[in-house]
PDB file of N, CA and C in Angstrom:
ATOM      1  N   MET A   1      15.923  23.659  -5.407  1.00  0.00           N
ATOM      2  CA  MET A   1      15.817  22.206  -5.448  1.00  0.00           C
ATOM      3  C   MET A   1      16.358  21.728  -6.795  1.00  0.00           C
ATOM      4  N   ASP A   2      17.227  20.745  -6.767  1.00  0.00           N
ATOM      5  CA  ASP A   2      17.760  20.237  -8.028  1.00  0.00           C
ATOM      6  C   ASP A   2      16.867  19.116  -8.570  1.00  0.00           C
ATOM      7  N   VAL A   3      17.168  18.667  -9.773  1.00  0.00           N
ATOM      8  CA  VAL A   3      16.351  17.662 -10.447  1.00  0.00           C
ATOM      9  C   VAL A   3      16.273  16.368  -9.641  1.00  0.00           C
ATOM     10  N   LYS A   4      17.362  15.943  -9.017  1.00  0.00           N
ATOM     11  CA  LYS A   4      17.365  14.715  -8.214  1.00  0.00           C
ATOM     12  C   LYS A   4      16.403  14.833  -7.040  1.00  0.00           C
ATOM     13  N   ASP A   5      16.420  15.960  -6.328  1.00  0.00           N
ATOM     14  CA  ASP A   5      15.500  16.168  -5.201  1.00  0.00           C
ATOM     15  C   ASP A   5      14.057  16.191  -5.667  1.00  0.00           C
ATOM     16  N   GLU A   6      13.810  16.836  -6.805  1.00  0.00           N
ATOM     17  CA  GLU A   6      12.451  16.921  -7.336  1.00  0.00           C
ATOM     18  C   GLU A   6      11.922  15.534  -7.697  1.00  0.00           C
ATOM     19  N   LYS A   7      12.756  14.714  -8.327  1.00  0.00           N
ATOM     20  CA  LYS A   7      12.321  13.362  -8.697  1.00  0.00           C
ATOM     21  C   LYS A   7      12.073  12.497  -7.471  1.00  0.00           C
ATOM     22  N   SER A   8      12.890  12.623  -6.430  1.00  0.00           N
ATOM     23  CA  SER A   8      12.688  11.806  -5.236  1.00  0.00           C
ATOM     24  C   SER A   8      11.411  12.192  -4.515  1.00  0.00           C
ATOM     25  N   GLN A   9      11.010  13.463  -4.612  1.00  0.00           N
ATOM     26  CA  GLN A   9       9.754  13.877  -3.993  1.00  0.00           C
ATOM     27  C   GLN A   9       8.555  13.396  -4.798  1.00  0.00           C
ATOM     28  N   GLN A  10       8.728  13.191  -6.094  1.00  0.00           N
ATOM     29  CA  GLN A  10       7.634  12.737  -6.943  1.00  0.00           C
ATOM     30  C   GLN A  10       7.453  11.223  -6.890  1.00  0.00           C
ATOM     31  N   SER A  11       8.488  10.501  -6.525  1.00  0.00           N
ATOM     32  CA  SER A  11       8.380   9.044  -6.506  1.00  0.00           C
ATOM     33  C   SER A  11       7.866   8.571  -5.142  1.00  0.00           C
ATOM     34  N   GLN A  12       7.229   7.441  -5.157  1.00  0.00           N
ATOM     35  CA  GLN A  12       6.701   6.832  -3.946  1.00  0.00           C
ATOM     36  C   GLN A  12       7.154   5.382  -3.923  1.00  0.00           C
ATOM     37  N   LEU A  13       7.517   4.892  -2.748  1.00  0.00           N
ATOM     38  CA  LEU A  13       7.994   3.524  -2.611  1.00  0.00           C
ATOM     39  C   LEU A  13       7.018   2.735  -1.733  1.00  0.00           C
ATOM     40  N   PHE A  14       6.670   1.540  -2.205  1.00  0.00           N
ATOM     41  CA  PHE A  14       5.764   0.652  -1.493  1.00  0.00           C
ATOM     42  C   PHE A  14       6.407  -0.725  -1.389  1.00  0.00           C
ATOM     43  N   THR A  15       6.088  -1.443  -0.311  1.00  0.00           N
ATOM     44  CA  THR A  15       6.423  -2.858  -0.237  1.00  0.00           C
ATOM     45  C   THR A  15       5.117  -3.628  -0.291  1.00  0.00           C
ATOM     46  N   LEU A  16       5.151  -4.769  -0.926  1.00  0.00           N
ATOM     47  CA  LEU A  16       3.949  -5.543  -1.159  1.00  0.00           C
ATOM     48  C   LEU A  16       4.220  -7.005  -0.817  1.00  0.00           C
ATOM     49  N   ARG A  17       3.302  -7.594  -0.059  1.00  0.00           N
ATOM     50  CA  ARG A  17       3.386  -9.024   0.270  1.00  0.00           C
ATOM     51  C   ARG A  17       2.073  -9.662  -0.140  1.00  0.00           C
ATOM     52  N   LEU A  18       2.155 -10.760  -0.889  1.00  0.00           N
ATOM     53  CA  LEU A  18       0.968 -11.484  -1.345  1.00  0.00           C
ATOM     54  C   LEU A  18       1.054 -12.935  -0.901  1.00  0.00           C
ATOM     55  N   TRP A  19      -0.086 -13.504  -0.552  1.00  0.00           N
ATOM     56  CA  TRP A  19      -0.136 -14.921  -0.185  1.00  0.00           C
ATOM     57  C   TRP A  19      -1.511 -15.484  -0.483  1.00  0.00           C
ATOM     58  N   LEU A  20      -1.553 -16.800  -0.651  1.00  0.00           N
ATOM     59  CA  LEU A  20      -2.819 -17.499  -0.830  1.00  0.00           C
ATOM     60  C   LEU A  20      -3.325 -17.952   0.525  1.00  0.00           C
ATOM     61  N   GLU A  21      -4.620 -17.806   0.731  1.00  0.00           N
ATOM     62  CA  GLU A  21      -5.238 -18.187   1.995  1.00  0.00           C
ATOM     63  C   GLU A  21      -6.460 -19.044   1.706  1.00  0.00           C
ATOM     64  N   GLU A  22      -6.579 -20.144   2.442  1.00  0.00           N
ATOM     65  CA  GLU A  22      -7.744 -21.003   2.263  1.00  0.00           C
ATOM     66  C   GLU A  22      -8.970 -20.324   2.865  1.00  0.00           C
ATOM     67  N   VAL A  23     -10.059 -20.307   2.076  1.00  0.00           N
ATOM     68  CA  VAL A  23     -11.290 -19.653   2.542  1.00  0.00           C
ATOM     69  C   VAL A  23     -12.411 -20.650   2.788  1.00  0.00           C
ATOM     70  N   GLY A  24     -12.103 -21.917   2.637  1.00  0.00           N
ATOM     71  CA  GLY A  24     -13.100 -22.947   2.910  1.00  0.00           C
ATOM     72  C   GLY A  24     -13.358 -23.827   1.701  1.00  0.00           C
ATOM     73  N   GLU A  25     -13.705 -25.069   1.986  1.00  0.00           N
ATOM     74  CA  GLU A  25     -14.050 -26.048   0.959  1.00  0.00           C
ATOM     75  C   GLU A  25     -12.989 -26.134  -0.137  1.00  0.00           C
ATOM     76  N   GLY A  26     -11.728 -26.016   0.262  1.00  0.00           N
ATOM     77  CA  GLY A  26     -10.634 -26.154  -0.678  1.00  0.00           C
ATOM     78  C   GLY A  26     -10.388 -24.956  -1.576  1.00  0.00           C
ATOM     79  N   GLN A  27     -11.152 -23.890  -1.392  1.00  0.00           N
ATOM     80  CA  GLN A  27     -10.961 -22.689  -2.210  1.00  0.00           C
ATOM     81  C   GLN A  27      -9.906 -21.792  -1.594  1.00  0.00           C
ATOM     82  N   MET A  28      -9.115 -21.177  -2.483  1.00  0.00           N
ATOM     83  CA  MET A  28      -8.044 -20.286  -2.046  1.00  0.00           C
ATOM     84  C   MET A  28      -8.285 -18.893  -2.616  1.00  0.00           C
ATOM     85  N   ASP A  29      -7.996 -17.888  -1.818  1.00  0.00           N
ATOM     86  CA  ASP A  29      -8.087 -16.492  -2.257  1.00  0.00           C
ATOM     87  C   ASP A  29      -6.765 -15.794  -1.980  1.00  0.00           C
ATOM     88  N   TRP A  30      -6.441 -14.818  -2.818  1.00  0.00           N
ATOM     89  CA  TRP A  30      -5.255 -14.013  -2.597  1.00  0.00           C
ATOM     90  C   TRP A  30      -5.519 -12.986  -1.515  1.00  0.00           C
ATOM     91  N   ARG A  31      -4.543 -12.782  -0.667  1.00  0.00           N
ATOM     92  CA  ARG A  31      -4.557 -11.749   0.368  1.00  0.00           C
ATOM     93  C   ARG A  31      -3.276 -10.950   0.189  1.00  0.00           C
ATOM     94  N   GLY A  32      -3.258  -9.768   0.777  1.00  0.00           N
ATOM     95  CA  GLY A  32      -2.050  -8.971   0.627  1.00  0.00           C
ATOM     96  C   GLY A  32      -1.870  -7.938   1.712  1.00  0.00           C
ATOM     97  N   ARG A  33      -0.649  -7.430   1.768  1.00  0.00           N
ATOM     98  CA  ARG A  33      -0.263  -6.372   2.693  1.00  0.00           C
ATOM     99  C   ARG A  33       0.600  -5.406   1.905  1.00  0.00           C
ATOM    100  N   VAL A  34       0.261  -4.138   1.979  1.00  0.00           N
ATOM    101  CA  VAL A  34       1.041  -3.114   1.299  1.00  0.00           C
ATOM    102  C   VAL A  34       1.466  -2.070   2.332  1.00  0.00           C
ATOM    103  N   GLN A  35       2.693  -1.605   2.199  1.00  0.00           N
ATOM    104  CA  GLN A  35       3.193  -0.573   3.103  1.00  0.00           C
ATOM    105  C   GLN A  35       3.745   0.583   2.284  1.00  0.00           C
ATOM    106  N   HIS A  36       3.303   1.784   2.634  1.00  0.00           N
ATOM    107  CA  HIS A  36       3.853   3.000   2.047  1.00  0.00           C
ATOM    108  C   HIS A  36       5.109   3.317   2.848  1.00  0.00           C
ATOM    109  N   VAL A  37       6.259   3.193   2.218  1.00  0.00           N
ATOM    110  CA  VAL A  37       7.526   3.260   2.935  1.00  0.00           C
ATOM    111  C   VAL A  37       7.740   4.621   3.584  1.00  0.00           C
ATOM    112  N   ARG A  38       7.412   5.683   2.899  1.00  0.00           N
ATOM    113  CA  ARG A  38       7.649   7.036   3.435  1.00  0.00           C
ATOM    114  C   ARG A  38       6.918   7.293   4.750  1.00  0.00           C
ATOM    115  N   SER A  39       5.647   6.903   4.811  1.00  0.00           N
ATOM    116  CA  SER A  39       4.850   7.160   6.018  1.00  0.00           C
ATOM    117  C   SER A  39       4.837   5.983   6.978  1.00  0.00           C
ATOM    118  N   GLY A  40       5.151   4.793   6.476  1.00  0.00           N
ATOM    119  CA  GLY A  40       5.069   3.592   7.295  1.00  0.00           C
ATOM    120  C   GLY A  40       3.669   3.023   7.373  1.00  0.00           C
ATOM    121  N   GLU A  41       2.715   3.658   6.716  1.00  0.00           N
ATOM    122  CA  GLU A  41       1.324   3.211   6.767  1.00  0.00           C
ATOM    123  C   GLU A  41       1.171   1.850   6.096  1.00  0.00           C
ATOM    124  N   VAL A  42       0.427   0.959   6.754  1.00  0.00           N
ATOM    125  CA  VAL A  42       0.231  -0.414   6.279  1.00  0.00           C
ATOM    126  C   VAL A  42      -1.250  -0.667   6.091  1.00  0.00           C
ATOM    127  N   ARG A  43      -1.585  -1.370   5.020  1.00  0.00           N
ATOM    128  CA  ARG A  43      -2.953  -1.821   4.794  1.00  0.00           C
ATOM    129  C   ARG A  43      -2.945  -3.274   4.368  1.00  0.00           C
ATOM    130  N   TYR A  44      -3.931  -4.018   4.842  1.00  0.00           N
ATOM    131  CA  TYR A  44      -4.161  -5.392   4.406  1.00  0.00           C
ATOM    132  C   TYR A  44      -5.343  -5.348   3.452  1.00  0.00           C
ATOM    133  N   PHE A  45      -5.314  -6.177   2.415  1.00  0.00           N
ATOM    134  CA  PHE A  45      -6.391  -6.133   1.443  1.00  0.00           C
ATOM    135  C   PHE A  45      -6.737  -7.532   0.960  1.00  0.00           C
ATOM    136  N   ARG A  46      -7.962  -7.626   0.413  1.00  0.00           N
ATOM    137  CA  ARG A  46      -8.465  -8.899  -0.092  1.00  0.00           C
ATOM    138  C   ARG A  46      -8.748  -8.859  -1.579  1.00  0.00           C
ATOM    139  N   ASN A  47      -8.676  -7.676  -2.163  1.00  0.00           N
ATOM    140  CA  ASN A  47      -8.913  -7.590  -3.604  1.00  0.00           C
ATOM    141  C   ASN A  47      -8.047  -6.498  -4.215  1.00  0.00           C
ATOM    142  N   TRP A  48      -7.878  -6.576  -5.520  1.00  0.00           N
ATOM    143  CA  TRP A  48      -6.970  -5.670  -6.222  1.00  0.00           C
ATOM    144  C   TRP A  48      -7.462  -4.228  -6.176  1.00  0.00           C
ATOM    145  N   GLN A  49      -8.764  -4.018  -6.133  1.00  0.00           N
ATOM    146  CA  GLN A  49      -9.304  -2.662  -6.080  1.00  0.00           C
ATOM    147  C   GLN A  49      -8.847  -1.945  -4.809  1.00  0.00           C
ATOM    148  N   MET A  50      -8.822  -2.642  -3.687  1.00  0.00           N
ATOM    149  CA  MET A  50      -8.369  -2.034  -2.427  1.00  0.00           C
ATOM    150  C   MET A  50      -6.906  -1.615  -2.517  1.00  0.00           C
ATOM    151  N   LEU A  51      -6.084  -2.488  -3.117  1.00  0.00           N
ATOM    152  CA  LEU A  51      -4.664  -2.163  -3.305  1.00  0.00           C
ATOM    153  C   LEU A  51      -4.528  -0.949  -4.217  1.00  0.00           C
ATOM    154  N   LYS A  52      -5.230  -0.961  -5.315  1.00  0.00           N
ATOM    155  CA  LYS A  52      -5.173   0.128  -6.288  1.00  0.00           C
ATOM    156  C   LYS A  52      -5.547   1.463  -5.648  1.00  0.00           C
ATOM    157  N   GLU A  53      -6.624   1.486  -4.869  1.00  0.00           N
ATOM    158  CA  GLU A  53      -7.076   2.726  -4.228  1.00  0.00           C
ATOM    159  C   GLU A  53      -6.042   3.248  -3.234  1.00  0.00           C
ATOM    160  N   PHE A  54      -5.461   2.360  -2.458  1.00  0.00           N
ATOM    161  CA  PHE A  54      -4.447   2.761  -1.484  1.00  0.00           C
ATOM    162  C   PHE A  54      -3.245   3.387  -2.183  1.00  0.00           C
ATOM    163  N   VAL A  55      -2.732   2.708  -3.202  1.00  0.00           N
ATOM    164  CA  VAL A  55      -1.551   3.194  -3.911  1.00  0.00           C
ATOM    165  C   VAL A  55      -1.861   4.486  -4.650  1.00  0.00           C
ATOM    166  N   GLU A  56      -2.972   4.537  -5.358  1.00  0.00           N
ATOM    167  CA  GLU A  56      -3.327   5.754  -6.095  1.00  0.00           C
ATOM    168  C   GLU A  56      -3.438   6.960  -5.185  1.00  0.00           C
ATOM    169  N   ASP A  57      -4.044   6.773  -4.040  1.00  0.00           N
ATOM    170  CA  ASP A  57      -4.230   7.881  -3.105  1.00  0.00           C
ATOM    171  C   ASP A  57      -2.881   8.457  -2.662  1.00  0.00           C
ATOM    172  N   ARG A  58      -1.928   7.585  -2.394  1.00  0.00           N
ATOM    173  CA  ARG A  58      -0.614   8.064  -1.946  1.00  0.00           C
ATOM    174  C   ARG A  58       0.199   8.673  -3.083  1.00  0.00           C
ATOM    175  N   VAL A  59       0.026   8.168  -4.284  1.00  0.00           N
ATOM    176  CA  VAL A  59       0.762   8.695  -5.433  1.00  0.00           C
ATOM    177  C   VAL A  59       0.175  10.041  -5.875  1.00  0.00           C
ATOM    178  N   LEU A  60      -1.134  10.150  -5.871  1.00  0.00           N
ATOM    179  CA  LEU A  60      -1.781  11.374  -6.344  1.00  0.00           C
ATOM    180  C   LEU A  60      -1.806  12.482  -5.296  1.00  0.00           C
ATOM    181  N   ARG A  61      -1.661  12.116  -4.002  1.00  0.00           N
ATOM    182  CA  ARG A  61      -1.705  13.113  -2.931  1.00  0.00           C
ATOM    183  C   ARG A  61      -0.573  12.888  -1.927  1.00  0.00           C
ATOM    184  N   PRO A  62       0.670  12.930  -2.376  1.00  0.00           N
ATOM    185  CA  PRO A  62       1.799  12.606  -1.492  1.00  0.00           C
ATOM    186  C   PRO A  62       1.976  13.587  -0.333  1.00  0.00           C
ATOM    187  N   ASP A  63       1.492  14.804  -0.483  1.00  0.00           N
ATOM    188  CA  ASP A  63       1.648  15.803   0.578  1.00  0.00           C
ATOM    189  C   ASP A  63       0.839  15.457   1.828  1.00  0.00           C
ATOM    190  N   LEU A  64      -0.161  14.599   1.704  1.00  0.00           N
ATOM    191  CA  LEU A  64      -1.003  14.236   2.851  1.00  0.00           C
ATOM    192  C   LEU A  64      -0.407  13.117   3.700  1.00  0.00           C
ATOM    193  N   TYR A  65       0.647  12.467   3.190  1.00  0.00           N
ATOM    194  CA  TYR A  65       1.178  11.290   3.871  1.00  0.00           C
ATOM    195  C   TYR A  65       2.612  11.524   4.286  1.00  0.00           C
ATOM    196  N   GLY A  66       2.776  11.861   5.535  1.00  0.00           N
ATOM    197  CA  GLY A  66       4.095  12.189   6.067  1.00  0.00           C
ATOM    198  C   GLY A  66       4.783  11.001   6.674  1.00  0.00           C
ATOM    199  N   SER A  67       5.219  11.145   7.917  1.00  0.00           N
ATOM    200  CA  SER A  67       6.063  10.124   8.530  1.00  0.00           C
ATOM    201  C   SER A  67       5.388   9.363   9.660  1.00  0.00           C
ATOM    202  N   ALA A  68       4.112   9.568   9.917  1.00  0.00           N
ATOM    203  CA  ALA A  68       3.435   8.853  11.001  1.00  0.00           C
ATOM    204  C   ALA A  68       3.036   7.469  10.537  1.00  0.00           C
ATOM    205  N   GLY A  69       3.658   6.432  11.065  1.00  0.00           N
ATOM    206  CA  GLY A  69       3.347   5.067  10.672  1.00  0.00           C
ATOM    207  C   GLY A  69       2.137   4.543  11.399  1.00  0.00           C
ATOM    208  N   ARG A  70       1.278   3.825  10.669  1.00  0.00           N
ATOM    209  CA  ARG A  70       0.135   3.193  11.306  1.00  0.00           C
ATOM    210  C   ARG A  70      -0.302   2.015  10.462  1.00  0.00           C
ATOM    211  N   GLU A  71      -1.033   1.137  11.062  1.00  0.00           N
ATOM    212  CA  GLU A  71      -1.451  -0.088  10.377  1.00  0.00           C
ATOM    213  C   GLU A  71      -2.958  -0.183  10.444  1.00  0.00           C
ATOM    214  N   GLU A  72      -3.585  -0.419   9.296  1.00  0.00           N
ATOM    215  CA  GLU A  72      -5.031  -0.545   9.241  1.00  0.00           C
ATOM    216  C   GLU A  72      -5.394  -1.740   8.385  1.00  0.00           C
ATOM    217  N   GLU A  73      -6.527  -2.345   8.715  1.00  0.00           N
ATOM    218  CA  GLU A  73      -7.015  -3.456   7.924  1.00  0.00           C
ATOM    219  C   GLU A  73      -8.047  -2.948   6.939  1.00  0.00           C
ATOM    220  N   MET A  74      -8.026  -3.534   5.745  1.00  0.00           N
ATOM    221  CA  MET A  74      -8.999  -3.205   4.728  1.00  0.00           C
ATOM    222  C   MET A  74      -9.772  -4.484   4.427  1.00  0.00           C
ATOM    223  N   ASP A  75     -10.799  -4.764   5.204  1.00  0.00           N
ATOM    224  CA  ASP A  75     -11.621  -5.943   4.997  1.00  0.00           C
ATOM    225  C   ASP A  75     -10.758  -7.198   4.973  1.00  0.00           C
ATOM    226  N   ARG A  76      -9.922  -7.335   5.961  1.00  0.00           N
ATOM    227  CA  ARG A  76      -8.964  -8.458   6.037  1.00  0.00           C
ATOM    228  C   ARG A  76      -9.587  -9.800   6.005  1.00  0.00           C
TER     229      ARG A  76
END
């Protein structure tokens, strides 16, 4: 394996979508959707901790996340 292949296996790519959503009485909260590009796995989140945990898990354990795409809600 050359250096380029090794670096591509170590890197992880995510797409992130953020939006404001009204939660009542004029209050707005941030919502988000993150997708792990390699596996296609999608999660929706309502707080930064949920996003952080999802991303950290995929970065620290990339061997567990292959190519099976799926979508899950995280306290949407």
